[in-house]
Protein backbone atom coordinates (compact mmCIF):
# COMPACT_ATOMS: atom_id res chain seq x y z
CA MET A 1 0.03 -0.04 0.01
CA LYS A 2 1.31 3.36 -0.97
CA ARG A 3 1.94 5.60 2.04
CA GLY A 4 0.06 8.80 2.07
CA ALA A 5 -3.26 10.35 3.52
CA SER A 6 -5.14 7.25 4.50
CA GLY A 7 -8.16 9.06 6.01
CA LEU A 8 -7.48 7.32 9.27
CA SER A 9 -7.19 9.16 12.53
CA LEU A 10 -6.63 7.01 15.52
CA VAL A 11 -4.46 5.80 18.43
CA VAL A 12 -3.13 2.20 19.00
CA GLY A 13 -1.13 0.66 21.74
CA ILE A 14 1.82 -1.30 20.67
CA ASP A 15 3.66 -3.92 22.85
CA LYS A 16 7.04 -2.98 21.57
CA PRO A 17 9.45 -5.95 21.41
CA ALA A 18 12.96 -5.71 22.86
CA GLY A 19 15.70 -5.06 20.31
CA MET A 20 13.57 -2.74 18.15
CA SER A 21 13.76 1.13 18.35
CA SER A 22 10.61 3.21 18.84
CA HIS A 23 11.26 4.62 15.40
CA ASP A 24 11.25 1.06 13.92
CA VAL A 25 7.95 0.59 15.39
CA VAL A 26 6.54 3.86 13.88
CA ASN A 27 7.88 2.61 10.51
CA ARG A 28 6.06 -0.63 10.82
CA CYS A 29 2.84 1.20 11.69
CA ARG A 30 3.23 3.39 8.58
CA ALA A 31 3.38 0.30 6.54
CA VAL A 32 0.37 -1.21 8.08
CA PHE A 33 -1.91 1.82 7.83
CA GLY A 34 -0.54 3.30 4.56
CA GLU A 35 -0.09 6.58 6.39
CA LYS A 36 2.97 8.96 6.62
CA ARG A 37 1.71 10.75 9.55
CA VAL A 38 2.51 8.41 12.46
CA GLY A 39 4.20 9.11 15.71
CA HIS A 40 4.83 7.57 19.11
CA THR A 41 4.16 9.38 22.38
CA GLY A 42 7.23 8.57 24.36
CA THR A 43 10.54 6.85 23.40
CA LEU A 44 11.30 3.33 24.70
CA ASP A 45 15.10 2.31 24.50
CA PRO A 46 15.82 -0.52 22.01
CA LEU A 47 16.66 -2.77 24.94
CA ALA A 48 13.15 -2.10 26.55
CA SER A 49 9.74 -3.75 25.72
CA GLY A 50 6.23 -2.87 26.50
CA VAL A 51 3.67 -0.13 26.20
CA LEU A 52 4.17 2.36 23.30
CA PRO A 53 1.17 4.49 22.35
CA VAL A 54 1.27 5.34 18.67
CA CYS A 55 -0.90 8.02 16.91
CA VAL A 56 -1.90 7.78 13.27
CA GLY A 57 -3.01 10.48 10.87
CA PRO A 58 -4.35 13.73 12.31
CA ALA A 59 -4.36 12.06 15.68
CA THR A 60 -0.61 12.65 15.77
CA ARG A 61 -1.50 16.13 17.09
CA LEU A 62 -2.47 14.29 20.27
CA ALA A 63 1.10 13.08 20.95
CA SER A 64 2.14 16.12 23.05
CA PHE A 65 -0.94 15.61 25.25
CA LEU A 66 -0.25 11.88 25.75
CA THR A 67 3.24 12.28 26.98
CA GLU A 68 2.17 13.96 30.20
CA HIS A 69 1.18 10.82 32.04
CA ASP A 70 2.97 8.86 34.75
CA LYS A 71 4.40 5.39 33.82
CA HIS A 72 4.86 1.99 35.38
CA TYR A 73 7.94 -0.38 34.77
CA ARG A 74 9.50 -3.58 35.79
CA VAL A 75 13.26 -3.54 35.73
CA SER A 76 16.17 -5.81 36.48
CA ILE A 77 18.96 -3.75 38.10
CA ALA A 78 22.38 -5.44 37.74
CA PHE A 79 25.05 -4.60 40.28
CA GLY A 80 28.75 -5.14 39.73
CA ALA A 81 29.17 -3.33 36.41
CA GLY A 82 28.37 0.06 34.97
CA THR A 83 28.06 0.86 31.30
CA ASP A 84 28.34 4.02 29.16
CA THR A 85 24.54 3.86 28.34
CA ASP A 86 23.49 2.83 31.80
CA ASP A 87 21.92 -0.38 30.36
CA ALA A 88 23.05 -3.75 29.07
CA ALA A 89 23.25 -2.36 25.51
CA GLY A 90 26.29 -0.29 26.29
CA ALA A 91 29.98 -0.97 26.82
CA VAL A 92 31.19 -1.75 30.34
CA THR A 93 33.20 1.27 31.70
CA ARG A 94 33.70 0.13 35.31
CA THR A 95 33.28 -2.78 37.51
CA GLY A 96 33.23 -3.25 41.30
CA GLU A 97 32.67 -5.81 43.99
CA ALA A 98 29.01 -6.00 45.09
CA PRO A 99 28.77 -5.60 48.93
CA ALA A 100 27.27 -8.58 50.67
CA ARG A 101 24.24 -6.55 51.84
CA LEU A 102 23.06 -6.31 48.26
CA ARG A 103 22.21 -10.01 48.51
CA ASP A 104 20.09 -9.42 51.58
CA GLU A 105 16.49 -9.30 50.50
CA ARG A 106 15.36 -7.27 53.53
CA PHE A 107 18.05 -4.66 52.99
CA ALA A 108 17.20 -4.55 49.33
CA ARG A 109 13.50 -4.11 49.99
CA GLU A 110 14.09 -1.29 52.41
CA PHE A 111 16.51 0.54 50.03
CA VAL A 112 14.04 0.29 47.18
CA GLU A 113 11.05 1.50 49.15
CA GLY A 114 13.23 4.39 50.29
CA LEU A 115 13.42 5.56 46.64
CA VAL A 116 9.84 6.74 46.79
CA GLY A 117 9.57 10.56 46.80
CA ARG A 118 10.79 13.58 44.74
CA HIS A 119 14.27 13.66 43.34
CA ARG A 120 16.54 15.76 41.16
CA GLN A 121 17.70 13.40 38.42
CA MET A 122 20.48 13.74 35.95
CA PRO A 123 19.39 12.06 32.57
CA PRO A 124 21.78 9.50 31.01
CA VAL A 125 24.34 10.82 28.58
CA TYR A 126 22.78 8.50 25.97
CA SER A 127 19.14 9.99 25.90
CA ALA A 128 16.80 11.56 23.42
CA ILE A 129 16.84 14.91 25.19
CA LYS A 130 17.63 17.71 22.84
CA VAL A 131 19.96 20.60 23.63
CA GLN A 132 20.02 23.27 20.86
CA GLY A 133 18.36 20.98 18.41
CA GLU A 134 20.78 18.05 18.92
CA LYS A 135 19.99 14.84 20.69
CA ALA A 136 22.27 13.93 23.59
CA CYS A 137 22.61 10.38 22.31
CA ASP A 138 23.57 11.55 18.78
CA ALA A 139 26.36 13.77 20.17
CA ALA A 140 27.56 10.97 22.56
CA ARG A 141 27.94 8.52 19.61
CA LYS A 142 30.13 11.20 17.93
CA GLY A 143 32.35 11.35 21.03
CA ARG A 144 30.88 14.58 22.44
CA ILE A 145 29.06 15.00 25.78
CA ILE A 146 26.25 17.50 25.92
CA ASP A 147 25.86 19.30 29.23
CA LEU A 148 22.35 18.03 30.42
CA ALA A 149 20.60 19.76 33.20
CA PRO A 150 19.12 17.77 36.17
CA ARG A 151 15.31 17.45 36.19
CA ASP A 152 12.64 17.28 38.87
CA ILE A 153 10.99 13.61 38.90
CA GLU A 154 8.86 11.69 41.43
CA VAL A 155 8.89 8.01 42.28
CA TYR A 156 5.30 7.31 43.37
CA ASP A 157 5.90 3.68 44.25
CA ALA A 158 8.84 1.23 44.28
CA ARG A 159 8.59 -2.45 45.14
CA LEU A 160 11.25 -5.09 45.33
CA GLU A 161 10.11 -8.27 43.56
CA GLY A 162 13.13 -10.37 43.93
CA VAL A 163 16.92 -10.57 44.52
CA PHE A 164 19.06 -12.94 42.47
CA SER A 165 22.77 -13.67 43.20
CA VAL A 166 24.90 -14.44 40.24
CA ALA A 167 27.39 -17.13 41.33
CA ASP A 168 30.67 -16.64 39.33
CA ALA A 169 29.19 -15.59 36.11
CA PRO A 170 32.06 -16.29 33.75
CA GLU A 171 31.36 -14.46 30.63
CA ALA A 172 29.30 -11.83 28.80
CA SER A 173 26.95 -14.51 27.31
CA SER A 174 25.96 -15.66 30.77
CA THR A 175 22.20 -15.71 31.44
CA ALA A 176 20.22 -15.91 34.60
CA SER A 177 16.48 -16.62 35.31
CA VAL A 178 14.62 -13.41 35.94
CA PRO A 179 15.03 -12.55 39.66
CA GLY A 180 12.71 -14.30 41.99
CA GLU A 181 10.82 -16.36 39.41
CA PRO A 182 11.30 -19.47 37.37
CA ALA A 183 12.01 -19.18 33.63
CA GLY A 184 8.78 -18.34 31.78
CA ALA A 185 6.88 -17.19 34.87
CA ARG A 186 6.20 -13.68 33.60
CA ASN A 187 3.86 -14.55 30.75
CA GLY A 188 5.16 -11.85 28.45
CA GLU A 189 5.13 -9.07 30.99
CA VAL A 190 8.92 -8.47 30.86
CA PRO A 191 11.49 -8.51 28.07
CA GLY A 192 11.93 -12.20 28.33
CA SER A 193 12.18 -15.01 30.88
CA ARG A 194 15.98 -14.85 30.93
CA VAL A 195 18.23 -11.86 31.41
CA ALA A 196 21.54 -11.59 29.59
CA LEU A 197 24.28 -10.56 31.98
CA VAL A 198 27.42 -8.41 31.05
CA PRO A 199 30.76 -9.23 32.59
CA GLY A 200 31.05 -8.33 36.25
CA VAL A 201 27.42 -8.50 37.31
CA GLN A 202 27.19 -10.26 40.65
CA VAL A 203 23.65 -9.33 42.00
CA VAL A 204 20.37 -8.43 40.21
CA TRP A 205 17.37 -6.78 41.85
CA ASP A 206 13.99 -7.08 40.19
CA VAL A 207 11.88 -3.94 40.95
CA ALA A 208 8.50 -2.46 39.93
CA PHE A 209 8.44 1.28 39.70
CA HIS A 210 5.58 3.82 39.28
CA VAL A 211 7.13 7.11 38.25
CA SER A 212 6.32 10.63 36.91
CA LYS A 213 6.79 11.67 33.34
CA GLY A 214 10.38 12.35 32.41
CA THR A 215 11.89 9.73 34.82
CA TYR A 216 14.72 7.67 33.42
CA ILE A 217 14.81 4.22 34.91
CA ARG A 218 18.38 3.86 33.69
CA SER A 219 19.32 6.80 35.93
CA LEU A 220 17.47 5.29 38.87
CA ALA A 221 19.56 2.18 38.41
CA ARG A 222 22.84 4.13 37.95
CA ASP A 223 22.14 6.28 41.07
CA ALA A 224 21.20 3.35 43.09
CA GLY A 225 24.54 1.79 42.31
CA ALA A 226 26.35 5.01 43.24
CA ALA A 227 24.50 5.22 46.61
CA LEU A 228 25.35 1.67 47.38
CA GLY A 229 29.03 1.93 46.35
CA CYS A 230 28.58 -0.53 43.49
CA PRO A 231 28.32 0.31 39.74
CA ALA A 232 24.98 -0.75 38.35
CA HIS A 233 22.90 -0.64 35.13
CA VAL A 234 19.62 -1.78 33.73
CA ALA A 235 19.76 -5.39 32.58
CA ALA A 236 16.16 -5.64 31.34
CA LEU A 237 13.26 -3.22 31.29
CA ALA A 238 9.47 -3.45 30.51
CA ARG A 239 7.07 -0.57 30.46
CA THR A 240 3.80 -2.04 31.82
CA GLN A 241 1.54 1.03 31.84
CA VAL A 242 1.37 4.62 30.52
CA GLY A 243 -1.39 6.64 32.12
CA GLY A 244 -4.51 4.56 31.65
CA LEU A 245 -3.15 2.33 28.94
CA ALA A 246 -2.00 -1.10 30.32
CA LEU A 247 0.13 -3.71 28.63
CA GLU A 248 -2.62 -6.22 28.29
CA GLU A 249 -4.52 -3.62 26.12
CA CYS A 250 -1.65 -3.36 23.66
CA VAL A 251 -1.06 -5.42 20.50
CA SER A 252 2.02 -6.96 18.97
CA LEU A 253 3.09 -5.67 15.61
CA GLU A 254 2.10 -9.02 14.16
CA ALA A 255 -1.39 -8.71 15.55
CA LEU A 256 -1.56 -5.14 14.33
CA GLY A 257 -0.92 -6.28 10.84
CA ARG A 258 -4.08 -8.41 11.06
CA LEU A 259 -6.26 -6.04 12.94
CA GLY A 260 -5.34 -2.66 11.34
CA ALA A 261 -7.76 0.04 12.39
CA ARG A 262 -9.77 -2.47 14.55
CA ALA A 263 -6.88 -2.14 17.11
CA ALA A 264 -7.75 1.47 17.70
CA LEU A 265 -8.29 2.64 21.30
CA ASP A 266 -10.41 5.38 22.80
CA PRO A 267 -8.19 8.57 23.00
CA VAL A 268 -10.69 10.14 25.36
CA ARG A 269 -9.95 7.51 27.88
CA LEU A 270 -6.17 7.68 27.34
CA LEU A 271 -6.13 11.43 27.81
CA GLY A 272 -7.94 11.07 31.18
CA LEU A 273 -9.74 14.38 30.70
CA ARG A 274 -13.39 15.19 31.42
CA ILE A 275 -15.68 15.09 28.41
CA ALA A 276 -18.20 17.40 26.78
CA TYR A 277 -20.68 16.15 24.24
CA LEU A 278 -21.39 18.69 21.63
CA ASP A 279 -24.85 19.67 20.12
CA GLU A 280 -25.15 20.88 16.50
CA ALA A 281 -24.40 24.51 17.20
CA GLN A 282 -21.38 23.62 19.28
CA LYS A 283 -20.14 21.33 16.56
CA ARG A 284 -20.21 24.13 14.01
CA ALA A 285 -18.39 26.43 16.32
CA VAL A 286 -15.74 23.94 17.10
CA SER A 287 -15.27 23.11 13.43
CA HIS A 288 -14.08 26.76 12.87
CA GLY A 289 -12.05 26.81 16.04
CA GLY A 290 -14.54 29.10 17.84
CA ALA A 291 -14.77 29.44 21.65
CA LEU A 292 -17.69 27.80 23.63
CA ASP A 293 -19.78 29.46 26.18
CA ALA A 294 -19.04 27.58 29.31
CA ALA A 295 -22.67 27.95 30.48
CA GLY A 296 -23.85 25.70 27.60
CA VAL A 297 -21.14 22.99 28.20
CA ARG A 298 -22.09 20.02 30.49
CA LEU A 299 -19.09 18.05 31.76
CA PHE A 300 -19.01 14.27 32.16
CA GLU A 301 -16.31 11.92 33.65
CA ARG A 302 -15.55 8.26 33.41
CA ARG A 303 -16.32 6.03 36.27
CA ARG A 304 -13.17 3.84 35.69
CA ALA A 305 -9.82 4.50 34.28
CA SER A 306 -9.35 1.21 32.28
CA ALA A 307 -11.25 -0.25 29.44
CA ALA A 308 -11.52 -3.66 31.21
CA ALA A 309 -13.40 -1.95 34.15
CA GLU A 310 -16.16 -0.54 31.83
CA LEU A 311 -18.89 -2.30 29.83
CA CYS A 312 -19.75 0.71 27.77
CA ALA A 313 -17.99 4.03 27.78
CA CYS A 314 -20.98 5.92 26.37
CA THR A 315 -23.54 4.78 29.06
CA ALA A 316 -22.50 2.90 32.24
CA GLY A 317 -18.87 4.07 31.98
CA VAL A 318 -19.69 7.79 32.06
CA ARG A 319 -21.53 10.10 34.46
CA GLU A 320 -22.12 13.74 34.65
CA SER A 321 -19.68 15.61 36.79
CA CYS A 322 -20.75 17.13 40.06
CA THR A 323 -18.17 19.92 40.02
CA GLY A 324 -17.57 22.84 37.64
CA PRO A 325 -14.44 23.46 35.53
CA GLN A 326 -11.20 24.57 36.93
CA GLU A 327 -9.18 27.47 35.55
CA GLY A 328 -7.02 26.20 32.65
CA GLU A 329 -8.63 22.72 32.65
CA ARG A 330 -8.55 20.92 29.37
CA VAL A 331 -11.65 19.10 28.23
CA ALA A 332 -12.19 16.48 25.55
CA LEU A 333 -14.88 17.41 23.12
CA VAL A 334 -16.83 14.58 21.43
CA ALA A 335 -19.29 14.75 18.52
CA ASP A 336 -20.73 11.86 16.49
CA ASN A 337 -18.66 9.55 18.73
CA LEU A 338 -15.41 11.13 17.53
CA LEU A 339 -12.93 13.23 19.43
CA SER A 340 -13.43 16.69 17.84
CA GLY A 341 -10.91 18.74 19.94
CA LEU A 342 -9.40 19.61 23.18
CA TYR A 343 -10.42 22.93 24.81
CA GLU A 344 -9.25 24.80 27.83
CA TYR A 345 -11.40 26.65 30.37
CA ASP A 346 -10.92 30.42 30.65
CA ARG A 347 -12.62 31.42 33.93
CA ALA A 348 -12.25 35.11 33.49
CA HIS A 349 -14.33 35.12 30.35
CA GLY A 350 -16.53 32.15 31.02
CA LEU A 351 -15.32 30.43 27.80
CA TYR A 352 -13.71 27.31 26.69
CA ARG A 353 -11.00 28.12 24.11
CA PRO A 354 -9.34 25.75 21.57
CA CYS A 355 -6.02 24.18 22.08
CA CYS A 356 -6.34 21.36 19.53
CA VAL A 357 -9.17 21.01 16.94
CA PHE A 358 -9.55 17.98 14.57
CA GLN A 359 -11.28 18.61 11.24
CA THR A 360 -11.13 14.82 10.85
CA GLY A 361 -12.28 13.52 14.18
CA VAL A 362 -10.17 11.00 16.07
CA SER A 363 -11.69 7.40 16.23
CA ARG A 364 -12.90 6.36 19.63
CA GLY A 365 -11.82 2.82 18.75
CA GLY A 366 -13.03 -0.55 19.66
CA ASP A 367 -12.85 -0.42 23.50
CA LEU A 368 -16.17 1.46 23.78
């Protein structure tokens, strides 16, 4: 199929396989939908697997709004070796003896739980952050280090799920069962049932994180090693949830090839905003990017955050809100069961003003 304007406008959730870049996933989606305008809403490292929301057609304008959500991960943190990328894909730059306490599950659990809270985090040198238009990772590959600024992040929850001691791992090709579980126990929730270990690794912690947007799990692993006096890196990583989009709602690239547009999800649910259903006059105003009188806009909200918890998003899953709009609040506008736009409340003038309007409405997908 020739790529171009497909007439599609939708959002899908991809279960990205480890070993593929996020850009590779976008290219596969372009081929599936025959559409040039495709973009993801938050880079996953090639080593990582899991939830990757992808926007197709005019829906790509939603990307900036879908990157604001918190995220859930499962990670294997390997102690005993540090790498230039802070994950197993990089070259080992330092090694060190892992203190005996790192093998103590009680100590590990207390340390991990102590990571909950707000932090100032330095991003990895190999990251997609742009400084003066250049990605830090591109500069690093050319041998130049861009001066990155620390950022404010928050760890909402951190749970230890297992401690694995590597007994005399002799070579880079060594593998170990994922910490705390027999091989195959994860049923696809993590990058694989076995974790490849780089030279020098002696202990692996399996950890589940719930973090704010902009948090680098590689930096959490690196900084944990620094705090414990032992170099560390990410051995395996899976993103299990982005906002309201869970891994079990995502499809593989193979399944996407079979399903096509039938894999579309409801962007209204993914955005997590309150909803306004437009009448004919409001539809005409929005189609021209006009403001809406707040007095004529009724707000609705979802009863549940996930598709699995709702039987029907247009009836039982939605109820009228009991509270009025807040200054600057964004609202999802729905007409003819399509997302027509995102508007923001202006209290001073009693209006909703446009921040994103879709002439071709975004499909609300098959999870309605």
